[in-house]
């Protein structure tokens, strides 16, 4: 049977050292061979970090809003009733993700970072459309000290920093790629 989607799991979260407001989230497939990387803010990084590295005494976590809301709904619904799918990439560099209610057929747009948080709290599976995954995912290297971040999901601020850095290093090929992406994003705002 050919699957049209790949299940993803949260692997790690962290911030770019030069600019703590740009945080990286790494998701991996079930075989831990491929990764999907995206950018989020520091607030969401902290939320994900708490769930990924749960303290031994996690009584504080059980009192946070996502956990309380899920616990209150568990009598009416189960994680198997839902799935989330990353199905496209917008021209603005944001992944489009949908929460599906498989019982009632409801579909709800959700930010990818919130989808990852929801998966961590509830166990609702998160998938990426296979064709999008083939374009956006990179090989996962657990022992590497770098990670792949597609240009088309980098924040505009990071693209501009990268452009200046590429020009300073005389890497004009990379500078052109970054400039093209910046121009594309700016033309969308007009």
N, C-alpha and C. Protein backbone atom coordinates (compact mmCIF):
# COMPACT_ATOMS: atom_id res chain seq x y z
N UNK A 1 0.84 -1.19 0.00
CA UNK A 1 0.00 0.00 0.00
C UNK A 1 0.88 1.25 0.00
N UNK A 2 0.61 2.18 -0.89
CA UNK A 2 1.37 3.42 -0.97
C UNK A 2 0.70 4.45 -0.09
N UNK A 3 1.47 5.02 0.83
CA UNK A 3 0.95 6.04 1.71
C UNK A 3 1.16 7.41 1.08
N UNK A 4 0.20 8.31 1.28
CA UNK A 4 0.33 9.65 0.72
C UNK A 4 0.77 10.67 1.76
N UNK A 5 1.17 10.18 2.94
CA UNK A 5 1.63 11.09 3.98
C UNK A 5 2.64 10.38 4.88
N UNK A 6 3.46 11.18 5.56
CA UNK A 6 4.51 10.68 6.43
C UNK A 6 4.26 11.24 7.83
N UNK A 7 4.30 10.36 8.83
CA UNK A 7 4.10 10.82 10.21
C UNK A 7 5.37 11.46 10.74
N UNK A 8 5.19 12.56 11.47
CA UNK A 8 6.30 13.31 12.02
C UNK A 8 6.24 13.34 13.54
N UNK A 9 7.41 13.44 14.16
CA UNK A 9 7.52 13.53 15.62
C UNK A 9 8.49 14.65 15.97
N UNK A 10 8.23 15.32 17.08
CA UNK A 10 9.12 16.37 17.56
C UNK A 10 10.45 15.76 17.98
N UNK A 11 11.54 16.28 17.44
CA UNK A 11 12.87 15.81 17.78
C UNK A 11 13.61 16.80 18.68
N UNK A 12 13.60 18.08 18.29
CA UNK A 12 14.31 19.07 19.10
C UNK A 12 13.82 20.48 18.80
N UNK A 13 14.13 21.38 19.74
CA UNK A 13 13.84 22.80 19.58
C UNK A 13 15.04 23.58 20.11
N UNK A 14 15.30 24.72 19.52
CA UNK A 14 16.40 25.57 19.97
C UNK A 14 16.35 26.90 19.25
N UNK A 15 17.19 27.83 19.69
CA UNK A 15 17.23 29.17 19.09
C UNK A 15 18.57 29.40 18.40
N UNK A 16 18.53 30.24 17.37
CA UNK A 16 19.75 30.66 16.71
C UNK A 16 20.47 31.57 17.69
N UNK A 17 21.71 31.30 17.94
CA UNK A 17 22.48 32.01 18.97
C UNK A 17 22.57 33.51 18.75
N UNK A 18 22.78 33.95 17.52
CA UNK A 18 22.92 35.37 17.26
C UNK A 18 21.63 36.13 17.49
N UNK A 19 20.52 35.44 17.34
CA UNK A 19 19.22 36.11 17.47
C UNK A 19 18.26 35.16 18.15
N UNK A 20 18.12 35.27 19.46
CA UNK A 20 17.28 34.35 20.23
C UNK A 20 15.82 34.36 19.85
N UNK A 21 15.36 35.33 19.05
CA UNK A 21 13.95 35.38 18.67
C UNK A 21 13.64 34.46 17.50
N UNK A 22 14.65 33.91 16.84
CA UNK A 22 14.43 32.96 15.74
C UNK A 22 14.74 31.57 16.27
N UNK A 23 13.69 30.79 16.46
CA UNK A 23 13.84 29.46 17.04
C UNK A 23 13.53 28.40 16.00
N UNK A 24 14.28 27.32 16.06
CA UNK A 24 14.19 26.24 15.09
C UNK A 24 13.52 25.03 15.74
N UNK A 25 12.58 24.42 15.02
CA UNK A 25 11.94 23.18 15.46
C UNK A 25 12.29 22.11 14.43
N UNK A 26 12.73 20.96 14.92
CA UNK A 26 13.05 19.85 14.03
C UNK A 26 12.08 18.71 14.29
N UNK A 27 11.41 18.30 13.23
CA UNK A 27 10.53 17.13 13.26
C UNK A 27 11.21 16.03 12.46
N UNK A 28 11.04 14.79 12.88
CA UNK A 28 11.62 13.67 12.15
C UNK A 28 10.54 12.67 11.80
N UNK A 29 10.80 11.90 10.74
CA UNK A 29 9.88 10.82 10.38
C UNK A 29 10.07 9.66 11.35
N UNK A 30 9.20 8.66 11.26
CA UNK A 30 9.23 7.56 12.21
C UNK A 30 10.52 6.75 12.14
N UNK A 31 11.15 6.69 10.98
CA UNK A 31 12.41 5.95 10.86
C UNK A 31 13.62 6.80 11.24
N UNK A 32 13.39 8.08 11.52
CA UNK A 32 14.44 9.02 11.89
C UNK A 32 15.50 9.13 10.78
N UNK A 33 15.02 9.11 9.55
CA UNK A 33 15.91 9.25 8.40
C UNK A 33 15.77 10.63 7.75
N UNK A 34 14.62 11.26 7.91
CA UNK A 34 14.37 12.56 7.29
C UNK A 34 13.85 13.54 8.33
N UNK A 35 14.13 14.81 8.07
CA UNK A 35 13.67 15.84 9.00
C UNK A 35 12.97 16.97 8.27
N UNK A 36 12.04 17.59 8.96
CA UNK A 36 11.38 18.80 8.50
C UNK A 36 11.71 19.87 9.54
N UNK A 37 12.22 20.98 9.08
CA UNK A 37 12.63 22.05 9.97
C UNK A 37 11.81 23.29 9.68
N UNK A 38 11.37 23.97 10.75
CA UNK A 38 10.67 25.23 10.57
C UNK A 38 11.05 26.18 11.70
N UNK A 39 10.68 27.43 11.53
CA UNK A 39 11.01 28.47 12.48
C UNK A 39 9.77 28.85 13.28
N UNK A 40 9.98 29.13 14.57
CA UNK A 40 8.90 29.61 15.42
C UNK A 40 9.46 30.69 16.33
N UNK A 41 8.61 31.22 17.21
CA UNK A 41 9.08 32.25 18.13
C UNK A 41 9.52 31.63 19.46
N UNK A 42 10.12 32.45 20.30
CA UNK A 42 10.67 31.95 21.56
C UNK A 42 9.58 31.46 22.51
N UNK A 43 8.42 32.08 22.49
CA UNK A 43 7.32 31.65 23.36
C UNK A 43 6.91 30.22 23.03
N UNK A 44 6.74 29.92 21.74
CA UNK A 44 6.35 28.57 21.34
C UNK A 44 7.50 27.59 21.59
N UNK A 45 8.73 28.04 21.38
CA UNK A 45 9.88 27.18 21.68
C UNK A 45 9.83 26.73 23.13
N UNK A 46 9.53 27.66 24.03
CA UNK A 46 9.45 27.33 25.46
C UNK A 46 8.33 26.33 25.74
N UNK A 47 7.19 26.49 25.09
CA UNK A 47 6.07 25.55 25.27
C UNK A 47 6.45 24.15 24.80
N UNK A 48 7.07 24.08 23.64
CA UNK A 48 7.48 22.77 23.10
C UNK A 48 8.58 22.15 23.96
N UNK A 49 9.51 22.97 24.39
CA UNK A 49 10.62 22.49 25.21
C UNK A 49 10.11 21.85 26.49
N UNK A 50 9.11 22.47 27.13
CA UNK A 50 8.54 21.90 28.36
C UNK A 50 7.96 20.50 28.13
N UNK A 51 7.36 20.29 26.95
CA UNK A 51 6.74 18.98 26.68
C UNK A 51 7.79 17.96 26.24
N UNK A 52 8.80 18.41 25.53
CA UNK A 52 9.83 17.51 25.03
C UNK A 52 10.73 17.02 26.16
N UNK A 53 11.06 17.91 27.07
CA UNK A 53 11.94 17.57 28.18
C UNK A 53 11.18 17.69 29.50
N UNK A 54 10.17 16.83 29.66
CA UNK A 54 9.30 16.88 30.84
C UNK A 54 10.11 16.65 32.11
N UNK A 55 9.86 17.48 33.12
CA UNK A 55 10.53 17.25 34.40
C UNK A 55 9.99 15.98 35.06
N UNK A 56 10.78 15.40 35.96
CA UNK A 56 10.32 14.19 36.65
C UNK A 56 8.99 14.45 37.35
N UNK A 57 8.90 15.60 38.00
CA UNK A 57 7.64 15.98 38.63
C UNK A 57 6.92 16.90 37.66
N UNK A 58 6.03 16.33 36.85
CA UNK A 58 5.36 17.13 35.83
C UNK A 58 3.98 17.61 36.29
N UNK A 59 3.79 17.74 37.60
CA UNK A 59 2.50 18.21 38.11
C UNK A 59 2.19 19.63 37.61
N UNK A 60 3.23 20.43 37.36
CA UNK A 60 3.01 21.77 36.82
C UNK A 60 2.44 21.71 35.41
N UNK A 61 2.93 20.76 34.62
CA UNK A 61 2.43 20.61 33.25
C UNK A 61 0.95 20.27 33.22
N UNK A 62 0.50 19.46 34.12
CA UNK A 62 -0.90 19.02 34.10
C UNK A 62 -1.87 20.16 34.37
N UNK A 63 -1.36 21.30 34.83
CA UNK A 63 -2.21 22.45 35.12
C UNK A 63 -2.18 23.51 34.02
N UNK A 64 -1.41 23.27 32.96
CA UNK A 64 -1.34 24.23 31.86
C UNK A 64 -2.55 24.06 30.94
N UNK A 65 -2.94 25.15 30.28
CA UNK A 65 -4.17 25.18 29.49
C UNK A 65 -4.30 24.05 28.47
N UNK A 66 -3.31 23.78 27.63
CA UNK A 66 -3.51 22.70 26.65
C UNK A 66 -3.80 21.34 27.31
N UNK A 67 -3.08 21.03 28.39
CA UNK A 67 -3.29 19.75 29.07
C UNK A 67 -4.65 19.70 29.75
N UNK A 68 -5.05 20.81 30.38
CA UNK A 68 -6.35 20.86 31.06
C UNK A 68 -7.48 20.73 30.04
N UNK A 69 -7.38 21.46 28.93
CA UNK A 69 -8.43 21.39 27.91
C UNK A 69 -8.55 19.98 27.34
N UNK A 70 -7.41 19.34 27.04
CA UNK A 70 -7.46 18.00 26.48
C UNK A 70 -8.05 17.02 27.50
N UNK A 71 -7.65 17.13 28.73
CA UNK A 71 -8.18 16.23 29.76
C UNK A 71 -9.69 16.41 29.90
N UNK A 72 -10.17 17.65 29.81
CA UNK A 72 -11.61 17.89 29.94
C UNK A 72 -12.40 17.34 28.75
N UNK A 73 -11.77 17.20 27.59
CA UNK A 73 -12.44 16.71 26.39
C UNK A 73 -12.31 15.20 26.19
N UNK A 74 -11.47 14.56 26.96
CA UNK A 74 -11.18 13.14 26.74
C UNK A 74 -12.40 12.24 26.86
N UNK A 75 -13.38 12.62 27.63
CA UNK A 75 -14.60 11.81 27.73
C UNK A 75 -15.44 11.84 26.47
N UNK A 76 -15.22 12.86 25.64
CA UNK A 76 -16.02 13.04 24.43
C UNK A 76 -15.27 12.66 23.15
N UNK A 77 -13.95 12.63 23.25
CA UNK A 77 -13.16 12.43 22.06
C UNK A 77 -11.84 11.76 22.43
N UNK A 78 -11.20 11.17 21.43
CA UNK A 78 -9.93 10.50 21.64
C UNK A 78 -8.97 10.94 20.55
N UNK A 79 -7.68 10.77 20.77
CA UNK A 79 -6.70 11.22 19.78
C UNK A 79 -6.86 10.49 18.45
N UNK A 80 -7.41 9.28 18.47
CA UNK A 80 -7.62 8.55 17.20
C UNK A 80 -8.72 9.17 16.35
N UNK A 81 -9.52 10.07 16.94
CA UNK A 81 -10.59 10.74 16.20
C UNK A 81 -10.07 11.87 15.32
N UNK A 82 -8.79 12.21 15.47
CA UNK A 82 -8.22 13.35 14.78
C UNK A 82 -6.91 12.98 14.07
N UNK A 83 -6.54 13.84 13.14
CA UNK A 83 -5.20 13.83 12.57
C UNK A 83 -4.91 15.24 12.08
N UNK A 84 -3.64 15.56 12.01
CA UNK A 84 -3.21 16.85 11.49
C UNK A 84 -2.30 16.59 10.29
N UNK A 85 -2.47 17.40 9.25
CA UNK A 85 -1.69 17.21 8.02
C UNK A 85 -1.13 18.55 7.55
N UNK A 86 0.18 18.56 7.34
CA UNK A 86 0.84 19.69 6.70
C UNK A 86 0.68 19.44 5.21
N UNK A 87 -0.12 20.28 4.54
CA UNK A 87 -0.47 19.95 3.16
C UNK A 87 0.09 20.89 2.09
N UNK A 88 0.65 22.03 2.52
CA UNK A 88 1.21 22.94 1.52
C UNK A 88 2.11 23.96 2.20
N UNK A 89 2.80 24.72 1.37
CA UNK A 89 3.65 25.79 1.84
C UNK A 89 3.19 27.06 1.16
N UNK A 90 2.82 28.06 1.95
CA UNK A 90 2.38 29.33 1.40
C UNK A 90 3.54 30.12 0.85
N UNK A 91 3.25 31.07 -0.01
CA UNK A 91 4.29 31.92 -0.58
C UNK A 91 4.96 32.78 0.48
N UNK A 92 4.31 32.90 1.65
CA UNK A 92 4.87 33.68 2.75
C UNK A 92 5.85 32.87 3.60
N UNK A 93 6.08 31.61 3.22
CA UNK A 93 7.02 30.77 3.95
C UNK A 93 6.40 30.02 5.12
N UNK A 94 5.09 30.07 5.27
CA UNK A 94 4.40 29.38 6.36
C UNK A 94 3.80 28.07 5.84
N UNK A 95 4.01 27.00 6.60
CA UNK A 95 3.37 25.73 6.26
C UNK A 95 1.88 25.82 6.56
N UNK A 96 1.06 25.32 5.66
CA UNK A 96 -0.39 25.24 5.90
C UNK A 96 -0.68 23.88 6.51
N UNK A 97 -1.28 23.89 7.68
CA UNK A 97 -1.55 22.67 8.41
C UNK A 97 -3.03 22.64 8.76
N UNK A 98 -3.63 21.45 8.67
CA UNK A 98 -5.06 21.29 8.93
C UNK A 98 -5.28 20.21 9.98
N UNK A 99 -6.14 20.51 10.95
CA UNK A 99 -6.59 19.54 11.94
C UNK A 99 -7.89 18.95 11.41
N UNK A 100 -7.91 17.63 11.23
CA UNK A 100 -9.10 16.94 10.72
C UNK A 100 -9.79 16.20 11.87
N UNK A 101 -11.10 16.39 11.99
CA UNK A 101 -11.89 15.56 12.87
C UNK A 101 -12.41 14.42 11.99
N UNK A 102 -11.89 13.21 12.19
CA UNK A 102 -12.22 12.08 11.32
C UNK A 102 -13.63 11.55 11.57
N UNK A 103 -14.20 11.85 12.71
CA UNK A 103 -15.56 11.38 13.02
C UNK A 103 -16.61 12.27 12.36
N UNK A 104 -16.49 13.57 12.53
CA UNK A 104 -17.50 14.51 12.05
C UNK A 104 -17.11 15.23 10.76
N UNK A 105 -15.87 15.04 10.31
CA UNK A 105 -15.45 15.63 9.05
C UNK A 105 -15.02 17.08 9.13
N UNK A 106 -14.95 17.64 10.32
CA UNK A 106 -14.54 19.04 10.44
C UNK A 106 -13.07 19.21 10.10
N UNK A 107 -12.74 20.36 9.50
CA UNK A 107 -11.36 20.69 9.16
C UNK A 107 -11.08 22.09 9.69
N UNK A 108 -9.94 22.22 10.37
CA UNK A 108 -9.59 23.48 11.01
C UNK A 108 -8.13 23.82 10.70
N UNK A 109 -7.89 25.02 10.19
CA UNK A 109 -6.53 25.48 9.97
C UNK A 109 -5.85 25.68 11.32
N UNK A 110 -4.58 25.30 11.39
CA UNK A 110 -3.81 25.44 12.62
C UNK A 110 -2.36 25.75 12.26
N UNK A 111 -1.74 26.64 13.02
CA UNK A 111 -0.32 26.92 12.78
C UNK A 111 0.48 25.65 13.01
N UNK A 112 1.55 25.46 12.25
CA UNK A 112 2.35 24.24 12.41
C UNK A 112 2.91 24.13 13.82
N UNK A 113 3.34 25.22 14.41
CA UNK A 113 3.88 25.15 15.77
C UNK A 113 2.81 24.72 16.77
N UNK A 114 1.57 25.20 16.60
CA UNK A 114 0.49 24.77 17.47
C UNK A 114 0.12 23.31 17.23
N UNK A 115 0.25 22.86 15.99
CA UNK A 115 -0.01 21.45 15.69
C UNK A 115 1.00 20.56 16.39
N UNK A 116 2.25 20.97 16.40
CA UNK A 116 3.28 20.19 17.10
C UNK A 116 2.99 20.17 18.60
N UNK A 117 2.61 21.30 19.16
CA UNK A 117 2.27 21.36 20.58
C UNK A 117 1.07 20.47 20.86
N UNK A 118 0.06 20.52 20.01
CA UNK A 118 -1.13 19.69 20.20
C UNK A 118 -0.78 18.21 20.14
N UNK A 119 0.12 17.83 19.23
CA UNK A 119 0.56 16.43 19.16
C UNK A 119 1.25 16.02 20.46
N UNK A 120 2.10 16.89 21.00
CA UNK A 120 2.81 16.57 22.23
C UNK A 120 1.87 16.41 23.42
N UNK A 121 0.82 17.22 23.46
CA UNK A 121 -0.12 17.18 24.59
C UNK A 121 -1.11 16.04 24.46
N UNK A 122 -1.60 15.78 23.24
CA UNK A 122 -2.72 14.87 23.06
C UNK A 122 -2.38 13.53 22.42
N UNK A 123 -1.29 13.49 21.68
CA UNK A 123 -0.98 12.29 20.92
C UNK A 123 -1.65 12.25 19.56
N UNK A 124 -2.38 13.32 19.19
CA UNK A 124 -2.97 13.38 17.84
C UNK A 124 -1.83 13.37 16.83
N UNK A 125 -1.86 12.45 15.86
CA UNK A 125 -0.73 12.34 14.93
C UNK A 125 -0.64 13.53 13.98
N UNK A 126 0.61 13.88 13.67
CA UNK A 126 0.92 14.94 12.73
C UNK A 126 1.62 14.32 11.53
N UNK A 127 1.11 14.62 10.34
CA UNK A 127 1.66 14.09 9.11
C UNK A 127 2.05 15.24 8.18
N UNK A 128 2.88 14.91 7.19
CA UNK A 128 3.13 15.83 6.08
C UNK A 128 2.75 15.10 4.80
N UNK A 129 2.10 15.82 3.91
CA UNK A 129 1.77 15.30 2.59
C UNK A 129 3.06 14.81 1.94
N UNK A 130 3.04 13.61 1.38
CA UNK A 130 4.25 12.98 0.85
C UNK A 130 4.95 13.83 -0.20
N UNK A 131 4.21 14.41 -1.13
CA UNK A 131 4.86 15.20 -2.18
C UNK A 131 5.51 16.45 -1.59
N UNK A 132 4.89 17.08 -0.63
CA UNK A 132 5.49 18.24 0.03
C UNK A 132 6.70 17.80 0.85
N UNK A 133 6.58 16.67 1.52
CA UNK A 133 7.70 16.15 2.30
C UNK A 133 8.92 15.90 1.44
N UNK A 134 8.71 15.38 0.25
CA UNK A 134 9.84 15.12 -0.65
C UNK A 134 10.57 16.41 -1.01
N UNK A 135 9.83 17.53 -1.11
CA UNK A 135 10.43 18.81 -1.46
C UNK A 135 11.09 19.49 -0.27
N UNK A 136 10.49 19.37 0.90
CA UNK A 136 10.91 20.17 2.04
C UNK A 136 11.78 19.43 3.06
N UNK A 137 11.73 18.12 3.08
CA UNK A 137 12.47 17.38 4.10
C UNK A 137 13.90 17.13 3.63
N UNK A 138 14.79 17.04 4.61
CA UNK A 138 16.21 16.79 4.35
C UNK A 138 16.63 15.56 5.14
N UNK A 139 17.75 14.95 4.78
CA UNK A 139 18.23 13.81 5.57
C UNK A 139 18.47 14.24 7.02
N UNK A 140 18.10 13.38 7.94
CA UNK A 140 18.30 13.66 9.36
C UNK A 140 19.65 13.13 9.80
N UNK A 141 20.41 13.98 10.44
CA UNK A 141 21.74 13.61 10.95
C UNK A 141 21.75 13.89 12.46
N UNK A 142 21.44 12.87 13.27
CA UNK A 142 21.30 13.10 14.71
C UNK A 142 22.58 13.58 15.39
N UNK A 143 23.73 13.25 14.87
CA UNK A 143 24.98 13.64 15.50
C UNK A 143 25.60 14.88 14.86
N UNK A 144 24.92 15.45 13.89
CA UNK A 144 25.48 16.62 13.21
C UNK A 144 25.37 17.87 14.05
N UNK A 145 26.22 18.84 13.76
CA UNK A 145 26.15 20.10 14.49
C UNK A 145 25.49 21.20 13.66
N UNK A 146 24.90 20.81 12.52
CA UNK A 146 24.15 21.75 11.69
C UNK A 146 22.82 21.09 11.32
N UNK A 147 21.92 21.91 10.83
CA UNK A 147 20.64 21.39 10.36
C UNK A 147 20.23 22.12 9.10
N UNK A 148 19.49 21.45 8.26
CA UNK A 148 19.01 22.07 7.02
C UNK A 148 17.73 22.84 7.29
N UNK A 149 17.70 24.08 6.84
CA UNK A 149 16.50 24.91 6.94
C UNK A 149 16.23 25.47 5.56
N UNK A 150 15.17 25.01 4.90
CA UNK A 150 14.88 25.50 3.55
C UNK A 150 14.72 27.01 3.53
N UNK A 151 15.26 27.64 2.51
CA UNK A 151 15.17 29.09 2.37
C UNK A 151 13.72 29.54 2.36
N UNK A 152 12.84 28.74 1.77
CA UNK A 152 11.45 29.18 1.63
C UNK A 152 10.64 29.17 2.92
N UNK A 153 11.24 28.75 4.05
CA UNK A 153 10.55 28.84 5.35
C UNK A 153 11.30 29.72 6.34
N UNK A 154 12.38 30.35 5.90
CA UNK A 154 13.12 31.25 6.78
C UNK A 154 12.38 32.58 6.92
N UNK A 155 12.39 33.16 8.11
CA UNK A 155 11.78 34.48 8.28
C UNK A 155 12.53 35.54 7.46
N UNK A 156 11.83 36.58 7.06
CA UNK A 156 12.42 37.63 6.25
C UNK A 156 13.66 38.22 6.93
N UNK A 157 13.59 38.42 8.22
CA UNK A 157 14.74 38.96 8.98
C UNK A 157 15.97 38.07 8.81
N UNK A 158 15.78 36.75 8.91
CA UNK A 158 16.91 35.82 8.76
C UNK A 158 17.43 35.82 7.32
N UNK A 159 16.54 35.96 6.35
CA UNK A 159 16.97 36.03 4.95
C UNK A 159 17.85 37.24 4.71
N UNK A 160 17.46 38.37 5.30
CA UNK A 160 18.24 39.60 5.11
C UNK A 160 19.61 39.50 5.79
N UNK A 161 19.68 38.89 6.96
CA UNK A 161 20.96 38.67 7.63
C UNK A 161 21.82 37.73 6.79
N UNK A 162 21.22 36.67 6.27
CA UNK A 162 21.94 35.72 5.42
C UNK A 162 22.45 36.36 4.14
N UNK A 163 21.66 37.27 3.57
CA UNK A 163 22.08 37.96 2.36
C UNK A 163 23.33 38.80 2.63
N UNK A 164 23.30 39.57 3.70
CA UNK A 164 24.47 40.40 4.05
C UNK A 164 25.69 39.53 4.31
N UNK A 165 25.49 38.42 4.99
CA UNK A 165 26.60 37.50 5.29
C UNK A 165 27.16 36.88 4.01
N UNK A 166 26.27 36.48 3.10
CA UNK A 166 26.71 35.87 1.83
C UNK A 166 27.51 36.85 0.99
N UNK A 167 27.07 38.09 0.96
CA UNK A 167 27.79 39.12 0.20
C UNK A 167 29.17 39.35 0.82
N UNK A 168 29.20 39.42 2.17
CA UNK A 168 30.49 39.62 2.85
C UNK A 168 31.45 38.48 2.58
N UNK A 169 30.93 37.26 2.44
CA UNK A 169 31.78 36.09 2.17
C UNK A 169 32.01 35.88 0.69
N UNK A 170 31.44 36.77 -0.14
CA UNK A 170 31.53 36.70 -1.59
C UNK A 170 30.94 35.40 -2.15
N UNK A 171 29.89 34.92 -1.48
CA UNK A 171 29.15 33.74 -1.97
C UNK A 171 27.95 34.28 -2.74
N UNK A 172 28.20 34.70 -3.97
CA UNK A 172 27.19 35.39 -4.76
C UNK A 172 26.07 34.48 -5.23
N UNK A 173 26.36 33.20 -5.37
CA UNK A 173 25.32 32.24 -5.75
C UNK A 173 24.25 32.18 -4.64
N UNK A 174 24.70 32.04 -3.39
CA UNK A 174 23.75 32.01 -2.26
C UNK A 174 23.08 33.36 -2.10
N UNK A 175 23.84 34.43 -2.27
CA UNK A 175 23.28 35.77 -2.15
C UNK A 175 22.13 35.96 -3.14
N UNK A 176 22.28 35.46 -4.35
CA UNK A 176 21.23 35.60 -5.36
C UNK A 176 19.98 34.82 -4.95
N UNK A 177 20.16 33.60 -4.44
CA UNK A 177 19.02 32.80 -3.99
C UNK A 177 18.26 33.52 -2.87
N UNK A 178 19.02 34.05 -1.92
CA UNK A 178 18.39 34.76 -0.80
C UNK A 178 17.69 36.03 -1.28
N UNK A 179 18.32 36.76 -2.18
CA UNK A 179 17.72 37.99 -2.72
C UNK A 179 16.43 37.67 -3.46
N UNK A 180 16.42 36.60 -4.24
CA UNK A 180 15.21 36.20 -4.96
C UNK A 180 14.07 35.90 -3.99
N UNK A 181 14.37 35.18 -2.91
CA UNK A 181 13.33 34.85 -1.93
C UNK A 181 12.84 36.12 -1.22
N UNK A 182 13.74 37.02 -0.88
CA UNK A 182 13.36 38.29 -0.25
C UNK A 182 12.44 39.08 -1.17
N UNK A 183 12.83 39.20 -2.45
CA UNK A 183 12.01 39.95 -3.41
C UNK A 183 10.64 39.31 -3.59
N UNK A 184 10.59 37.98 -3.62
CA UNK A 184 9.30 37.29 -3.74
C UNK A 184 8.40 37.63 -2.56
N UNK A 185 8.94 37.57 -1.35
CA UNK A 185 8.15 37.86 -0.15
C UNK A 185 7.68 39.31 -0.12
N UNK A 186 8.58 40.23 -0.49
CA UNK A 186 8.21 41.65 -0.46
C UNK A 186 7.16 41.98 -1.51
N UNK A 187 7.20 41.29 -2.65
CA UNK A 187 6.20 41.53 -3.69
C UNK A 187 4.82 41.04 -3.24
N UNK A 188 4.77 40.06 -2.35
CA UNK A 188 3.49 39.57 -1.82
C UNK A 188 2.83 40.58 -0.90
N UNK A 189 3.64 41.40 -0.24
CA UNK A 189 3.11 42.38 0.70
C UNK A 189 2.51 43.59 0.03
N UNK A 190 2.79 43.78 -1.27
CA UNK A 190 2.30 44.95 -2.00
C UNK A 190 0.84 44.82 -2.32
